[in-house]
Amino acid sequence: MSSLLLEDEQERRKETTLGKQAVSFFGHALLALSGWIALMLVGYAVNPQNLSQMIILAASAMVPLLLGFSVNRVRQSEMATAVWLLGMTWFTIVAFLIVDMPTSPNQCFHCSLGEKLSRTFLSWPSPSGLIDDDGPFLGTWPAAALIGYAIGARLAMKKADAEA
């Protein structure tokens, strides 16, 4: 009798197709980025003066983290926990573009590779001048949003696992 139950459980797991997983994955990615875009729009509307970019980075991770936690708490999805891969892929693509950019006197002149990346993505110790100083907005914050969403979704999965 127990082997019959095990077979039924395995058949239910096989029902998830690759297409459904892809739709779920990109749906969660879109949801994570929508939460981040909403945060950016609120920030643009409020327009706080002298707000540290590290605070914005933390908010870019925390708002999607809470969103991922609440969404995955209501409807469990393993694909929600894999969205961090898209964030890392996006960050890597933008990093490769930055590395290939030429420098000039107003754009990180004679910067090493580490300086070029840290000054572009974190604006630390000062902005690099590359991609119009939009490195955090184009590379760091969206990646942090996707990673934060995946962490929140995973935390919700652990909570559900503990209750069962």
N, C-alpha and C. Protein backbone atom coordinates (compact mmCIF):
# COMPACT_ATOMS: atom_id res chain seq x y z
N MET A 1 0.82 -1.19 0.00
CA MET A 1 0.00 0.00 0.00
C MET A 1 0.87 1.26 0.00
N SER A 2 1.96 1.25 0.76
CA SER A 2 2.83 2.43 0.83
C SER A 2 3.53 2.69 -0.50
N SER A 3 3.85 1.63 -1.25
CA SER A 3 4.50 1.84 -2.55
C SER A 3 3.52 2.48 -3.53
N LEU A 4 2.22 2.15 -3.41
CA LEU A 4 1.21 2.77 -4.25
C LEU A 4 1.11 4.27 -3.96
N LEU A 5 1.15 4.61 -2.70
CA LEU A 5 1.11 6.03 -2.33
C LEU A 5 2.35 6.75 -2.84
N LEU A 6 3.50 6.11 -2.78
CA LEU A 6 4.73 6.72 -3.26
C LEU A 6 4.67 6.95 -4.76
N GLU A 7 4.13 5.99 -5.50
CA GLU A 7 4.01 6.15 -6.96
C GLU A 7 3.07 7.29 -7.31
N ASP A 8 1.94 7.39 -6.59
CA ASP A 8 1.00 8.49 -6.85
C ASP A 8 1.65 9.84 -6.59
N GLU A 9 2.44 9.93 -5.54
CA GLU A 9 3.12 11.18 -5.21
C GLU A 9 4.14 11.55 -6.28
N GLN A 10 4.86 10.56 -6.81
CA GLN A 10 5.84 10.82 -7.86
C GLN A 10 5.16 11.25 -9.15
N GLU A 11 3.99 10.68 -9.46
CA GLU A 11 3.26 11.08 -10.65
C GLU A 11 2.80 12.53 -10.55
N ARG A 12 2.39 12.97 -9.38
CA ARG A 12 1.97 14.36 -9.20
C ARG A 12 3.14 15.31 -9.40
N ARG A 13 4.30 14.90 -8.97
CA ARG A 13 5.49 15.75 -9.14
C ARG A 13 5.89 15.85 -10.60
N LYS A 14 5.68 14.80 -11.38
CA LYS A 14 6.05 14.80 -12.79
C LYS A 14 5.12 15.67 -13.63
N GLU A 15 3.95 16.01 -13.09
CA GLU A 15 3.00 16.82 -13.84
C GLU A 15 3.54 18.22 -14.13
N THR A 16 4.46 18.68 -13.34
CA THR A 16 5.06 19.99 -13.57
C THR A 16 5.95 19.91 -14.80
N THR A 17 5.58 20.63 -15.83
CA THR A 17 6.34 20.59 -17.07
C THR A 17 7.34 21.73 -17.12
N LEU A 18 8.22 21.63 -18.07
CA LEU A 18 9.24 22.66 -18.25
C LEU A 18 8.60 24.01 -18.58
N GLY A 19 7.54 23.98 -19.37
CA GLY A 19 6.83 25.22 -19.72
C GLY A 19 6.24 25.91 -18.50
N LYS A 20 5.63 25.12 -17.62
CA LYS A 20 5.06 25.68 -16.40
C LYS A 20 6.14 26.25 -15.50
N GLN A 21 7.28 25.56 -15.45
CA GLN A 21 8.39 26.05 -14.63
C GLN A 21 8.93 27.36 -15.19
N ALA A 22 9.05 27.45 -16.52
CA ALA A 22 9.56 28.68 -17.13
C ALA A 22 8.60 29.85 -16.89
N VAL A 23 7.30 29.60 -17.04
CA VAL A 23 6.32 30.66 -16.79
C VAL A 23 6.38 31.09 -15.33
N SER A 24 6.48 30.13 -14.43
CA SER A 24 6.57 30.44 -13.01
C SER A 24 7.84 31.24 -12.69
N PHE A 25 8.96 30.81 -13.26
CA PHE A 25 10.24 31.48 -13.02
C PHE A 25 10.18 32.94 -13.48
N PHE A 26 9.76 33.16 -14.72
CA PHE A 26 9.74 34.52 -15.23
C PHE A 26 8.62 35.35 -14.60
N GLY A 27 7.55 34.70 -14.17
CA GLY A 27 6.51 35.42 -13.44
C GLY A 27 7.02 35.93 -12.10
N HIS A 28 7.76 35.09 -11.40
CA HIS A 28 8.34 35.54 -10.12
C HIS A 28 9.41 36.61 -10.35
N ALA A 29 10.19 36.47 -11.41
CA ALA A 29 11.20 37.49 -11.72
C ALA A 29 10.53 38.83 -12.02
N LEU A 30 9.45 38.77 -12.78
CA LEU A 30 8.70 39.99 -13.09
C LEU A 30 8.09 40.61 -11.84
N LEU A 31 7.60 39.76 -10.96
CA LEU A 31 7.03 40.24 -9.70
C LEU A 31 8.11 40.91 -8.84
N ALA A 32 9.29 40.29 -8.77
CA ALA A 32 10.39 40.86 -7.99
C ALA A 32 10.81 42.22 -8.56
N LEU A 33 10.95 42.29 -9.88
CA LEU A 33 11.36 43.56 -10.50
C LEU A 33 10.25 44.60 -10.41
N SER A 34 9.00 44.17 -10.43
CA SER A 34 7.88 45.12 -10.26
C SER A 34 7.90 45.73 -8.87
N GLY A 35 8.20 44.91 -7.86
CA GLY A 35 8.32 45.44 -6.50
C GLY A 35 9.46 46.44 -6.39
N TRP A 36 10.58 46.15 -7.08
CA TRP A 36 11.71 47.07 -7.05
C TRP A 36 11.38 48.36 -7.80
N ILE A 37 10.71 48.24 -8.94
CA ILE A 37 10.33 49.43 -9.71
C ILE A 37 9.37 50.29 -8.89
N ALA A 38 8.44 49.67 -8.19
CA ALA A 38 7.53 50.42 -7.32
C ALA A 38 8.31 51.18 -6.25
N LEU A 39 9.33 50.52 -5.68
CA LEU A 39 10.19 51.19 -4.69
C LEU A 39 10.89 52.39 -5.32
N MET A 40 11.40 52.24 -6.53
CA MET A 40 12.09 53.34 -7.20
C MET A 40 11.12 54.48 -7.50
N LEU A 41 9.90 54.15 -7.90
CA LEU A 41 8.91 55.20 -8.18
C LEU A 41 8.52 55.95 -6.92
N VAL A 42 8.37 55.25 -5.82
CA VAL A 42 8.07 55.91 -4.54
C VAL A 42 9.25 56.81 -4.15
N GLY A 43 10.46 56.31 -4.33
CA GLY A 43 11.63 57.12 -4.03
C GLY A 43 11.72 58.36 -4.92
N TYR A 44 11.34 58.20 -6.18
CA TYR A 44 11.35 59.34 -7.10
C TYR A 44 10.28 60.36 -6.69
N ALA A 45 9.12 59.88 -6.27
CA ALA A 45 8.05 60.79 -5.87
C ALA A 45 8.38 61.52 -4.57
N VAL A 46 8.96 60.79 -3.60
CA VAL A 46 9.31 61.40 -2.32
C VAL A 46 10.56 62.26 -2.45
N ASN A 47 11.50 61.81 -3.26
CA ASN A 47 12.76 62.50 -3.54
C ASN A 47 13.50 62.92 -2.27
N PRO A 48 13.90 61.93 -1.45
CA PRO A 48 14.65 62.28 -0.24
C PRO A 48 16.05 62.80 -0.60
N GLN A 49 16.47 63.82 0.08
CA GLN A 49 17.76 64.43 -0.19
C GLN A 49 18.86 63.71 0.59
N ASN A 50 20.01 63.55 -0.02
CA ASN A 50 21.20 62.97 0.60
C ASN A 50 20.97 61.57 1.18
N LEU A 51 20.24 60.75 0.48
CA LEU A 51 20.01 59.37 0.91
C LEU A 51 21.16 58.52 0.40
N SER A 52 21.79 57.79 1.30
CA SER A 52 22.94 56.97 0.95
C SER A 52 22.55 55.87 -0.03
N GLN A 53 23.45 55.58 -0.97
CA GLN A 53 23.19 54.51 -1.93
C GLN A 53 23.17 53.15 -1.26
N MET A 54 23.84 53.00 -0.12
CA MET A 54 23.80 51.74 0.61
C MET A 54 22.41 51.51 1.22
N ILE A 55 21.74 52.58 1.61
CA ILE A 55 20.38 52.45 2.12
C ILE A 55 19.45 52.04 0.99
N ILE A 56 19.65 52.62 -0.18
CA ILE A 56 18.85 52.24 -1.34
C ILE A 56 19.11 50.79 -1.72
N LEU A 57 20.37 50.36 -1.62
CA LEU A 57 20.71 48.96 -1.90
C LEU A 57 20.01 48.03 -0.92
N ALA A 58 20.02 48.39 0.35
CA ALA A 58 19.34 47.58 1.37
C ALA A 58 17.83 47.54 1.11
N ALA A 59 17.25 48.67 0.77
CA ALA A 59 15.81 48.70 0.47
C ALA A 59 15.49 47.92 -0.81
N SER A 60 16.40 47.97 -1.78
CA SER A 60 16.21 47.22 -3.03
C SER A 60 16.22 45.72 -2.79
N ALA A 61 16.86 45.28 -1.74
CA ALA A 61 16.85 43.86 -1.41
C ALA A 61 15.70 43.52 -0.45
N MET A 62 15.42 44.40 0.49
CA MET A 62 14.44 44.09 1.53
C MET A 62 12.98 44.13 1.04
N VAL A 63 12.63 45.09 0.21
CA VAL A 63 11.25 45.17 -0.29
C VAL A 63 10.90 43.93 -1.11
N PRO A 64 11.73 43.52 -2.08
CA PRO A 64 11.43 42.27 -2.79
C PRO A 64 11.53 41.03 -1.89
N LEU A 65 12.40 41.07 -0.87
CA LEU A 65 12.48 39.95 0.07
C LEU A 65 11.14 39.76 0.77
N LEU A 66 10.56 40.84 1.25
CA LEU A 66 9.25 40.77 1.91
C LEU A 66 8.17 40.35 0.93
N LEU A 67 8.25 40.85 -0.30
CA LEU A 67 7.29 40.47 -1.33
C LEU A 67 7.41 38.98 -1.65
N GLY A 68 8.63 38.49 -1.83
CA GLY A 68 8.85 37.07 -2.12
C GLY A 68 8.39 36.19 -0.97
N PHE A 69 8.63 36.64 0.25
CA PHE A 69 8.19 35.89 1.42
C PHE A 69 6.67 35.78 1.45
N SER A 70 6.00 36.92 1.25
CA SER A 70 4.53 36.91 1.34
C SER A 70 3.90 36.14 0.18
N VAL A 71 4.42 36.28 -1.02
CA VAL A 71 3.86 35.57 -2.16
C VAL A 71 4.08 34.07 -2.01
N ASN A 72 5.27 33.67 -1.63
CA ASN A 72 5.56 32.24 -1.52
C ASN A 72 4.95 31.62 -0.27
N ARG A 73 4.61 32.44 0.68
CA ARG A 73 3.91 31.94 1.87
C ARG A 73 2.48 31.56 1.51
N VAL A 74 1.87 32.35 0.62
CA VAL A 74 0.50 32.08 0.19
C VAL A 74 0.46 30.93 -0.82
N ARG A 75 1.35 30.98 -1.80
CA ARG A 75 1.37 29.94 -2.84
C ARG A 75 2.80 29.47 -3.04
N GLN A 76 3.08 28.28 -2.57
CA GLN A 76 4.42 27.71 -2.61
C GLN A 76 4.87 27.45 -4.06
N SER A 77 6.09 27.86 -4.37
CA SER A 77 6.67 27.62 -5.69
C SER A 77 8.17 27.48 -5.56
N GLU A 78 8.69 26.35 -5.98
CA GLU A 78 10.13 26.13 -5.96
C GLU A 78 10.85 27.10 -6.91
N MET A 79 10.19 27.48 -7.98
CA MET A 79 10.83 28.35 -8.97
C MET A 79 11.07 29.76 -8.43
N ALA A 80 10.30 30.15 -7.43
CA ALA A 80 10.50 31.48 -6.83
C ALA A 80 11.86 31.56 -6.15
N THR A 81 12.35 30.42 -5.67
CA THR A 81 13.64 30.42 -4.99
C THR A 81 14.81 30.43 -5.95
N ALA A 82 14.55 30.25 -7.25
CA ALA A 82 15.62 30.20 -8.24
C ALA A 82 15.82 31.53 -8.97
N VAL A 83 15.06 32.54 -8.62
CA VAL A 83 15.12 33.83 -9.30
C VAL A 83 16.47 34.51 -9.11
N TRP A 84 17.19 34.15 -8.06
CA TRP A 84 18.51 34.75 -7.80
C TRP A 84 19.46 34.49 -8.98
N LEU A 85 19.26 33.40 -9.70
CA LEU A 85 20.12 33.11 -10.85
C LEU A 85 20.01 34.19 -11.91
N LEU A 86 18.81 34.68 -12.13
CA LEU A 86 18.61 35.76 -13.10
C LEU A 86 19.31 37.04 -12.63
N GLY A 87 19.25 37.31 -11.33
CA GLY A 87 19.94 38.48 -10.78
C GLY A 87 21.44 38.40 -10.96
N MET A 88 22.00 37.24 -10.70
CA MET A 88 23.45 37.07 -10.88
C MET A 88 23.84 37.13 -12.35
N THR A 89 23.01 36.58 -13.21
CA THR A 89 23.28 36.64 -14.65
C THR A 89 23.24 38.07 -15.15
N TRP A 90 22.24 38.83 -14.71
CA TRP A 90 22.13 40.24 -15.10
C TRP A 90 23.36 41.03 -14.61
N PHE A 91 23.72 40.82 -13.36
CA PHE A 91 24.87 41.53 -12.79
C PHE A 91 26.15 41.19 -13.57
N THR A 92 26.31 39.93 -13.94
CA THR A 92 27.50 39.50 -14.67
C THR A 92 27.54 40.13 -16.06
N ILE A 93 26.41 40.18 -16.74
CA ILE A 93 26.37 40.79 -18.07
C ILE A 93 26.75 42.27 -18.00
N VAL A 94 26.18 42.99 -17.05
CA VAL A 94 26.50 44.41 -16.91
C VAL A 94 27.96 44.59 -16.52
N ALA A 95 28.49 43.70 -15.67
CA ALA A 95 29.91 43.79 -15.28
C ALA A 95 30.82 43.60 -16.48
N PHE A 96 30.48 42.65 -17.35
CA PHE A 96 31.29 42.46 -18.56
C PHE A 96 31.25 43.68 -19.45
N LEU A 97 30.10 44.33 -19.56
CA LEU A 97 30.02 45.55 -20.35
C LEU A 97 30.88 46.66 -19.74
N ILE A 98 30.88 46.77 -18.43
CA ILE A 98 31.68 47.79 -17.75
C ILE A 98 33.16 47.54 -17.96
N VAL A 99 33.57 46.28 -17.84
CA VAL A 99 34.99 45.93 -17.99
C VAL A 99 35.49 46.30 -19.38
N ASP A 100 34.64 46.14 -20.40
CA ASP A 100 35.05 46.43 -21.77
C ASP A 100 34.99 47.90 -22.14
N MET A 101 34.43 48.74 -21.27
CA MET A 101 34.30 50.16 -21.60
C MET A 101 35.65 50.87 -21.53
N PRO A 102 35.89 51.77 -22.49
CA PRO A 102 37.13 52.56 -22.44
C PRO A 102 37.01 53.65 -21.36
N THR A 103 38.15 54.06 -20.84
CA THR A 103 38.17 55.12 -19.84
C THR A 103 38.74 56.39 -20.46
N SER A 104 38.45 57.50 -19.83
CA SER A 104 38.96 58.79 -20.27
C SER A 104 39.14 59.66 -19.03
N PRO A 105 39.65 60.89 -19.16
CA PRO A 105 39.88 61.72 -17.97
C PRO A 105 38.65 61.90 -17.08
N ASN A 106 37.46 61.93 -17.62
CA ASN A 106 36.26 62.09 -16.78
C ASN A 106 35.58 60.77 -16.46
N GLN A 107 36.18 59.66 -16.91
CA GLN A 107 35.55 58.36 -16.73
C GLN A 107 36.55 57.36 -16.21
N CYS A 108 36.80 57.40 -14.91
CA CYS A 108 37.64 56.42 -14.22
C CYS A 108 39.00 56.25 -14.92
N PHE A 109 39.66 57.36 -15.16
CA PHE A 109 40.93 57.35 -15.89
C PHE A 109 41.99 56.58 -15.10
N HIS A 110 42.65 55.63 -15.73
CA HIS A 110 43.70 54.78 -15.15
C HIS A 110 43.20 53.95 -13.96
N CYS A 111 41.94 53.55 -13.97
CA CYS A 111 41.40 52.72 -12.90
C CYS A 111 41.79 51.26 -13.13
N SER A 112 42.03 50.56 -12.03
CA SER A 112 42.24 49.12 -12.14
C SER A 112 40.88 48.46 -12.34
N LEU A 113 40.89 47.18 -12.60
CA LEU A 113 39.64 46.46 -12.82
C LEU A 113 38.74 46.51 -11.59
N GLY A 114 39.31 46.30 -10.42
CA GLY A 114 38.52 46.35 -9.19
C GLY A 114 37.94 47.72 -8.94
N GLU A 115 38.74 48.75 -9.19
CA GLU A 115 38.25 50.13 -9.01
C GLU A 115 37.13 50.44 -9.99
N LYS A 116 37.30 49.99 -11.22
CA LYS A 116 36.30 50.24 -12.24
C LYS A 116 34.95 49.65 -11.83
N LEU A 117 34.97 48.43 -11.34
CA LEU A 117 33.72 47.76 -10.95
C LEU A 117 33.14 48.34 -9.66
N SER A 118 33.97 48.56 -8.66
CA SER A 118 33.44 49.06 -7.38
C SER A 118 32.95 50.50 -7.52
N ARG A 119 33.64 51.30 -8.30
CA ARG A 119 33.20 52.68 -8.47
C ARG A 119 31.97 52.78 -9.35
N THR A 120 31.77 51.80 -10.24
CA THR A 120 30.58 51.81 -11.08
C THR A 120 29.37 51.25 -10.34
N PHE A 121 29.53 50.10 -9.70
CA PHE A 121 28.38 49.43 -9.08
C PHE A 121 28.04 49.97 -7.70
N LEU A 122 29.01 50.42 -6.95
CA LEU A 122 28.75 50.90 -5.59
C LEU A 122 28.99 52.40 -5.43
N SER A 123 29.54 53.03 -6.45
CA SER A 123 29.92 54.45 -6.38
C SER A 123 30.85 54.70 -5.20
N TRP A 124 31.72 53.73 -4.94
CA TRP A 124 32.64 53.83 -3.81
C TRP A 124 34.07 53.76 -4.29
N PRO A 125 34.96 54.61 -3.92
CA PRO A 125 34.82 55.77 -3.04
C PRO A 125 34.15 56.96 -3.73
N SER A 126 34.12 56.94 -5.06
CA SER A 126 33.40 57.97 -5.81
C SER A 126 32.91 57.32 -7.11
N PRO A 127 31.90 57.91 -7.75
CA PRO A 127 31.40 57.32 -8.99
C PRO A 127 32.48 57.28 -10.08
N SER A 128 32.36 56.31 -10.97
CA SER A 128 33.38 56.11 -12.00
C SER A 128 33.17 57.01 -13.21
N GLY A 129 31.96 57.47 -13.44
CA GLY A 129 31.68 58.25 -14.64
C GLY A 129 31.27 57.36 -15.80
N LEU A 130 31.41 56.06 -15.66
CA LEU A 130 31.00 55.13 -16.71
C LEU A 130 29.49 54.96 -16.66
N ILE A 131 28.89 54.70 -17.77
CA ILE A 131 27.43 54.59 -17.98
C ILE A 131 26.68 55.68 -17.22
N ASP A 132 27.18 56.88 -17.32
CA ASP A 132 26.57 58.08 -16.74
C ASP A 132 26.29 57.95 -15.25
N ASP A 133 27.15 57.25 -14.53
CA ASP A 133 27.03 57.03 -13.08
C ASP A 133 25.73 56.32 -12.70
N ASP A 134 25.16 55.56 -13.62
CA ASP A 134 23.95 54.80 -13.35
C ASP A 134 24.23 53.33 -13.06
N GLY A 135 25.44 52.99 -12.68
CA GLY A 135 25.81 51.61 -12.39
C GLY A 135 24.95 50.96 -11.32
N PRO A 136 24.73 51.63 -10.19
CA PRO A 136 23.86 51.01 -9.18
C PRO A 136 22.44 50.78 -9.69
N PHE A 137 21.90 51.75 -10.42
CA PHE A 137 20.53 51.64 -10.92
C PHE A 137 20.40 50.56 -11.99
N LEU A 138 21.40 50.42 -12.84
CA LEU A 138 21.32 49.45 -13.94
C LEU A 138 21.82 48.07 -13.57
N GLY A 139 22.72 47.96 -12.61
CA GLY A 139 23.31 46.67 -12.32
C GLY A 139 23.11 46.15 -10.92
N THR A 140 23.40 46.97 -9.93
CA THR A 140 23.41 46.50 -8.54
C THR A 140 22.01 46.33 -7.96
N TRP A 141 21.19 47.34 -8.06
CA TRP A 141 19.88 47.31 -7.40
C TRP A 141 18.92 46.28 -7.99
N PRO A 142 18.82 46.13 -9.33
CA PRO A 142 17.93 45.08 -9.85
C PRO A 142 18.41 43.68 -9.45
N ALA A 143 19.72 43.46 -9.45
CA ALA A 143 20.26 42.17 -9.03
C ALA A 143 19.96 41.92 -7.56
N ALA A 144 20.10 42.94 -6.74
CA ALA A 144 19.78 42.81 -5.32
C ALA A 144 18.29 42.50 -5.12
N ALA A 145 17.44 43.09 -5.95
CA ALA A 145 16.00 42.83 -5.85
C ALA A 145 15.69 41.37 -6.16
N LEU A 146 16.29 40.83 -7.20
CA LEU A 146 16.04 39.44 -7.57
C LEU A 146 16.59 38.47 -6.52
N ILE A 147 17.75 38.78 -6.00
CA ILE A 147 18.35 37.94 -4.96
C ILE A 147 17.52 38.02 -3.68
N GLY A 148 17.10 39.21 -3.32
CA GLY A 148 16.26 39.39 -2.13
C GLY A 148 14.94 38.64 -2.25
N TYR A 149 14.33 38.69 -3.42
CA TYR A 149 13.07 37.98 -3.64
C TYR A 149 13.27 36.48 -3.45
N ALA A 150 14.35 35.94 -4.00
CA ALA A 150 14.62 34.51 -3.87
C ALA A 150 14.86 34.12 -2.42
N ILE A 151 15.55 34.96 -1.68
CA ILE A 151 15.80 34.68 -0.26
C ILE A 151 14.47 34.68 0.51
N GLY A 152 13.64 35.67 0.26
CA GLY A 152 12.34 35.72 0.92
C GLY A 152 11.48 34.51 0.58
N ALA A 153 11.50 34.11 -0.68
CA ALA A 153 10.73 32.94 -1.09
C ALA A 153 11.25 31.68 -0.40
N ARG A 154 12.56 31.58 -0.28
CA ARG A 154 13.13 30.41 0.39
C ARG A 154 12.80 30.41 1.88
N LEU A 155 12.81 31.55 2.50
CA LEU A 155 12.43 31.63 3.92
C LEU A 155 10.99 31.18 4.12
N ALA A 156 10.13 31.54 3.19
CA ALA A 156 8.73 31.10 3.27
C ALA A 156 8.62 29.61 3.07
N MET A 157 9.46 29.04 2.22
CA MET A 157 9.44 27.59 2.01
C MET A 157 9.89 26.87 3.28
N LYS A 158 10.89 27.40 3.95
CA LYS A 158 11.36 26.77 5.19
C LYS A 158 10.27 26.81 6.25
N LYS A 159 9.55 27.91 6.32
CA LYS A 159 8.46 28.04 7.29
C LYS A 159 7.39 26.98 7.00
N ALA A 160 7.06 26.81 5.74
CA ALA A 160 6.04 25.82 5.37
C ALA A 160 6.54 24.42 5.63
N ASP A 161 7.83 24.15 5.39
CA ASP A 161 8.41 22.83 5.65
C ASP A 161 8.36 22.51 7.14
N ALA A 162 8.61 23.50 7.98
CA ALA A 162 8.64 23.29 9.43
C ALA A 162 7.24 22.99 9.97
N GLU A 163 6.22 23.61 9.36
CA GLU A 163 4.86 23.41 9.84
C GLU A 163 4.31 22.04 9.46
N ALA A 164 4.78 21.49 8.34
CA ALA A 164 4.24 20.22 7.84
C ALA A 164 4.71 19.03 8.65
